[in-house]
C-alpha atoms as a PDB file:
ATOM      1  CA  MET A   1     181.676  -6.020  80.803  1.00  0.00           C
ATOM      2  CA  GLY A   2     185.002  -6.376  82.622  1.00  0.00           C
ATOM      3  CA  SER A   3     185.606  -6.409  86.341  1.00  0.00           C
ATOM      4  CA  SER A   4     186.450  -3.212  88.169  1.00  0.00           C
ATOM      5  CA  LYS A   5     189.972  -2.620  89.410  1.00  0.00           C
ATOM      6  CA  ALA A   6     188.553  -1.980  92.879  1.00  0.00           C
ATOM      7  CA  TYR A   7     186.925  -5.440  93.057  1.00  0.00           C
ATOM      8  CA  PHE A   8     190.059  -7.078  91.689  1.00  0.00           C
ATOM      9  CA  ALA A   9     192.177  -5.303  94.340  1.00  0.00           C
ATOM     10  CA  PHE A  10     189.684  -6.283  97.053  1.00  0.00           C
ATOM     11  CA  ILE A  11     189.797 -10.001  96.157  1.00  0.00           C
ATOM     12  CA  LEU A  12     193.596  -9.983  95.949  1.00  0.00           C
ATOM     13  CA  GLU A  13     193.722  -8.299  99.360  1.00  0.00           C
ATOM     14  CA  GLN A  14     191.417 -10.976 100.766  1.00  0.00           C
ATOM     15  CA  LEU A  15     193.736 -13.649  99.322  1.00  0.00           C
ATOM     16  CA  SER A  16     196.935 -11.877 100.400  1.00  0.00           C
ATOM     17  CA  GLU A  17     197.495 -14.272 103.308  1.00  0.00           C
ATOM     18  CA  VAL A  18     197.612 -17.221 100.907  1.00  0.00           C
ATOM     19  CA  ASP A  19     201.164 -18.027  99.806  1.00  0.00           C
ATOM     20  CA  GLU A  20     201.869 -18.639  96.123  1.00  0.00           C
ATOM     21  CA  ILE A  21     198.728 -16.871  94.889  1.00  0.00           C
ATOM     22  CA  SER A  22     198.925 -14.865  91.681  1.00  0.00           C
ATOM     23  CA  ALA A  23     196.639 -13.331  89.109  1.00  0.00           C
ATOM     24  CA  ARG A  24     196.857 -12.636  85.403  1.00  0.00           C
ATOM     25  CA  ALA A  25     194.740 -10.169  83.491  1.00  0.00           C
ATOM     26  CA  MET A  26     193.040 -11.640  80.449  1.00  0.00           C
ATOM     27  CA  MET A  27     190.489  -9.897  78.202  1.00  0.00           C
ATOM     28  CA  GLY A  28     189.291  -7.509  80.907  1.00  0.00           C
ATOM     29  CA  GLU A  29     188.986 -10.219  83.546  1.00  0.00           C
ATOM     30  CA  SER A  30     191.502 -11.917  85.857  1.00  0.00           C
ATOM     31  CA  ILE A  31     192.587 -15.534  86.202  1.00  0.00           C
ATOM     32  CA  ILE A  32     193.583 -16.609  89.741  1.00  0.00           C
ATOM     33  CA  TYR A  33     196.459 -19.086  90.137  1.00  0.00           C
ATOM     34  CA  TYR A  34     197.493 -20.989  93.247  1.00  0.00           C
ATOM     35  CA  ARG A  35     200.784 -22.862  93.119  1.00  0.00           C
ATOM     36  CA  GLY A  36     200.718 -22.605  89.337  1.00  0.00           C
ATOM     37  CA  LYS A  37     197.206 -24.073  88.997  1.00  0.00           C
ATOM     38  CA  ILE A  38     194.225 -22.102  87.720  1.00  0.00           C
ATOM     39  CA  ILE A  39     191.702 -22.276  90.539  1.00  0.00           C
ATOM     40  CA  GLY A  40     189.241 -19.652  89.305  1.00  0.00           C
ATOM     41  CA  GLY A  41     188.970 -16.039  88.393  1.00  0.00           C
ATOM     42  CA  ILE A  42     187.278 -12.693  88.721  1.00  0.00           C
ATOM     43  CA  TYR A  43     184.586 -12.204  86.102  1.00  0.00           C
ATOM     44  CA  ASP A  44     182.138  -9.273  85.994  1.00  0.00           C
ATOM     45  CA  ASP A  45     182.922  -8.414  89.624  1.00  0.00           C
ATOM     46  CA  ARG A  46     182.290 -12.007  90.762  1.00  0.00           C
ATOM     47  CA  PHE A  47     184.826 -14.396  92.276  1.00  0.00           C
ATOM     48  CA  LEU A  48     184.306 -17.808  90.660  1.00  0.00           C
ATOM     49  CA  VAL A  49     186.188 -21.039  91.397  1.00  0.00           C
ATOM     50  CA  LYS A  50     186.387 -24.346  89.578  1.00  0.00           C
ATOM     51  CA  PRO A  51     183.598 -26.698  90.691  1.00  0.00           C
ATOM     52  CA  THR A  52     185.644 -29.373  92.458  1.00  0.00           C
ATOM     53  CA  LYS A  53     184.045 -31.801  94.915  1.00  0.00           C
ATOM     54  CA  SER A  54     185.606 -30.073  97.903  1.00  0.00           C
ATOM     55  CA  ALA A  55     184.512 -26.618  96.728  1.00  0.00           C
ATOM     56  CA  ALA A  56     180.946 -27.885  96.295  1.00  0.00           C
ATOM     57  CA  ALA A  57     181.077 -29.448  99.774  1.00  0.00           C
ATOM     58  CA  MET A  58     182.361 -26.213 101.326  1.00  0.00           C
ATOM     59  CA  MET A  59     179.690 -24.141  99.535  1.00  0.00           C
ATOM     60  CA  PRO A  60     176.676 -26.470  99.163  1.00  0.00           C
ATOM     61  CA  ASN A  61     174.276 -23.634  98.317  1.00  0.00           C
ATOM     62  CA  ALA A  62     176.590 -21.766  95.961  1.00  0.00           C
ATOM     63  CA  PRO A  63     175.051 -21.081  92.571  1.00  0.00           C
ATOM     64  CA  MET A  64     176.815 -22.078  89.382  1.00  0.00           C
ATOM     65  CA  ALA A  65     177.659 -19.211  87.049  1.00  0.00           C
ATOM     66  CA  GLN A  66     179.305 -18.919  83.666  1.00  0.00           C
ATOM     67  CA  PRO A  67     182.344 -16.626  83.648  1.00  0.00           C
ATOM     68  CA  TYR A  68     181.469 -15.645  80.063  1.00  0.00           C
ATOM     69  CA  GLU A  69     179.179 -16.911  77.331  1.00  0.00           C
ATOM     70  CA  GLY A  70     180.071 -20.399  76.173  1.00  0.00           C
ATOM     71  CA  ALA A  71     182.343 -21.179  79.149  1.00  0.00           C
ATOM     72  CA  LYS A  72     181.931 -24.030  81.615  1.00  0.00           C
ATOM     73  CA  ALA A  73     179.993 -23.057  84.720  1.00  0.00           C
ATOM     74  CA  MET A  74     181.934 -22.336  87.906  1.00  0.00           C
ATOM     75  CA  LEU A  75     180.964 -21.898  91.559  1.00  0.00           C
ATOM     76  CA  LEU A  76     180.177 -18.367  92.723  1.00  0.00           C
ATOM     77  CA  VAL A  77     181.956 -17.518  95.977  1.00  0.00           C
ATOM     78  CA  ASP A  78     179.650 -15.377  98.110  1.00  0.00           C
ATOM     79  CA  ASP A  79     181.670 -15.338 101.344  1.00  0.00           C
ATOM     80  CA  VAL A  80     184.518 -13.174 100.034  1.00  0.00           C
ATOM     81  CA  GLU A  81     184.748 -11.286 103.355  1.00  0.00           C
ATOM     82  CA  ASN A  82     185.973 -14.378 105.244  1.00  0.00           C
ATOM     83  CA  ARG A  83     189.745 -14.689 104.694  1.00  0.00           C
ATOM     84  CA  ALA A  84     190.072 -17.957 106.630  1.00  0.00           C
ATOM     85  CA  PHE A  85     187.350 -19.527 104.488  1.00  0.00           C
ATOM     86  CA  LEU A  86     188.995 -18.287 101.289  1.00  0.00           C
ATOM     87  CA  ARG A  87     192.343 -19.761 102.379  1.00  0.00           C
ATOM     88  CA  GLU A  88     190.727 -23.170 102.953  1.00  0.00           C
ATOM     89  CA  LEU A  89     188.722 -22.955  99.725  1.00  0.00           C
ATOM     90  CA  VAL A  90     191.731 -22.095  97.544  1.00  0.00           C
ATOM     91  CA  ASP A  91     193.777 -24.910  99.090  1.00  0.00           C
ATOM     92  CA  ALA A  92     190.932 -27.426  98.709  1.00  0.00           C
ATOM     93  CA  VAL A  93     190.269 -26.532  95.066  1.00  0.00           C
ATOM     94  CA  ALA A  94     193.955 -26.676  94.126  1.00  0.00           C
ATOM     95  CA  SER A  95     194.460 -30.029  95.849  1.00  0.00           C
ATOM     96  CA  GLU A  96     191.979 -31.649  93.441  1.00  0.00           C
ATOM     97  CA  LEU A  97     193.398 -30.134  90.265  1.00  0.00           C
ATOM     98  CA  PRO A  98     196.154 -31.820  88.223  1.00  0.00           C
ATOM     99  CA  THR A  99     199.601 -30.293  88.069  1.00  0.00           C
ATOM    100  CA  PRO A 100     199.943 -28.255  84.877  1.00  0.00           C
ATOM    101  CA  LYS A 101     202.046 -29.849  82.153  1.00  0.00           C
ATOM    102  CA  LYS A 102     205.197 -28.077  81.050  1.00  0.00           C
ATOM    103  CA  ARG A 103     204.663 -26.368  77.746  1.00  0.00           C
ATOM    104  CA  ASN A 104     207.050 -26.861  74.861  1.00  0.00           C
ATOM    105  CA  GLN A 105     209.044 -23.889  73.748  1.00  0.00           C
ATOM    106  CA  LYS A 106     209.202 -22.844  70.125  1.00  0.00           C
ATOM    107  CA  VAL A 107     212.384 -21.411  68.681  1.00  0.00           C
ATOM    108  CA  THR A 108     212.617 -19.935  65.200  1.00  0.00           C
ATOM    109  CA  PHE A 109     215.794 -20.348  63.171  1.00  0.00           C
ATOM    110  CA  GLY A 110     215.992 -17.879  60.331  1.00  0.00           C
ATOM    111  CA  LYS A 111     213.484 -17.988  57.492  1.00  0.00           C
ATOM    112  CA  GLY A 112     210.407 -19.488  59.124  1.00  0.00           C
ATOM    113  CA  LYS A 113     212.130 -22.686  60.242  1.00  0.00           C
ATOM    114  CA  SER A 114     211.110 -23.594  63.772  1.00  0.00           C
ATOM    115  CA  LEU A 115     211.739 -26.354  66.252  1.00  0.00           C
ATOM    116  CA  THR A 116     209.508 -27.227  69.188  1.00  0.00           C
ATOM    117  CA  GLY A 117     210.432 -29.421  72.113  1.00  0.00           C
ATOM    118  CA  PRO A 118     211.286 -29.569  75.798  1.00  0.00           C
ATOM    119  CA  SER A 119     213.892 -27.097  76.944  1.00  0.00           C
ATOM    120  CA  ARG A 120     217.141 -28.402  78.394  1.00  0.00           C
ATOM    121  CA  ARG A 121     220.257 -26.631  79.611  1.00  0.00           C
ATOM    122  CA  ILE A 122     223.537 -27.871  78.209  1.00  0.00           C
ATOM    123  CA  GLU A 123     226.931 -26.998  79.628  1.00  0.00           C
ATOM    124  CA  ASN A 124     229.424 -26.442  76.851  1.00  0.00           C
ATOM    125  CA  GLY A 125     232.928 -25.152  77.575  1.00  0.00           C
ATOM    126  CA  GLY A 126     231.873 -23.454  80.836  1.00  0.00           C
ATOM    127  CA  ASP A 127     228.990 -21.547  79.239  1.00  0.00           C
ATOM    128  CA  ILE A 128     225.394 -22.506  79.919  1.00  0.00           C
ATOM    129  CA  VAL A 129     223.632 -22.694  76.581  1.00  0.00           C
ATOM    130  CA  LYS A 130     219.881 -23.124  76.333  1.00  0.00           C
ATOM    131  CA  LYS A 131     218.969 -25.508  73.544  1.00  0.00           C
ATOM    132  CA  ILE A 132     215.754 -26.970  72.273  1.00  0.00           C
ATOM    133  CA  ILE A 133     216.183 -30.674  71.724  1.00  0.00           C
ATOM    134  CA  VAL A 134     213.667 -33.002  70.113  1.00  0.00           C
ATOM    135  CA  ASN A 135     214.302 -36.751  70.462  1.00  0.00           C
ATOM    136  CA  ALA A 136     217.962 -36.117  71.130  1.00  0.00           C
ATOM    137  CA  GLN A 137     220.508 -36.564  73.888  1.00  0.00           C
ATOM    138  CA  TRP A 138     223.559 -34.520  74.751  1.00  0.00           C
ATOM    139  CA  GLN A 139     226.631 -36.768  74.681  1.00  0.00           C
ATOM    140  CA  GLY A 140     229.570 -34.529  75.688  1.00  0.00           C
ATOM    141  CA  GLY A 141     232.367 -33.545  73.365  1.00  0.00           C
ATOM    142  CA  GLY A 142     230.249 -31.017  71.510  1.00  0.00           C
ATOM    143  CA  ASP A 143     228.128 -33.386  69.427  1.00  0.00           C
ATOM    144  CA  LEU A 144     224.350 -33.555  69.522  1.00  0.00           C
ATOM    145  CA  VAL A 145     223.321 -37.114  68.768  1.00  0.00           C
ATOM    146  CA  THR A 146     219.733 -37.892  67.737  1.00  0.00           C
ATOM    147  CA  ASP A 147     217.996 -41.187  68.375  1.00  0.00           C
ATOM    148  CA  ALA A 148     219.080 -42.294  64.902  1.00  0.00           C
ATOM    149  CA  GLY A 149     222.718 -41.787  65.913  1.00  0.00           C
ATOM    150  CA  ALA A 150     223.591 -39.152  63.307  1.00  0.00           C
ATOM    151  CA  ASN A 151     225.586 -36.184  64.551  1.00  0.00           C
ATOM    152  CA  GLU A 152     224.042 -32.787  64.033  1.00  0.00           C
END
């Protein structure tokens, strides 16, 4: 069973005073992000947050609940009416979580050939060209030189 749009809107309204908060719908539920970190979500009309030490300290009697079958248990936030508490909770949870790693981009070249790697912007003749480079460095003059030194 998914969460209702009314509950989702209510939680987002309660979190509206928190800067850099966002949500993403996923399989009928919603993932809550703060400063790019997943801090919790809305599952079956329940606001759940990751069970960090600070979240557990702020909600010592909060029950653990699974967002869905087979998932890791999270802390159930009961005090969703208190905006000041939610602001502190979101900040505390996010402060204990690692910064998300940048994901590699995948580019397909023609018939099923693909290349994955970190994205870099290369200035070439005044135009900004986005390239995907794997183990390579841009060395001016229009040549892309790999670690082996061969021009491509």
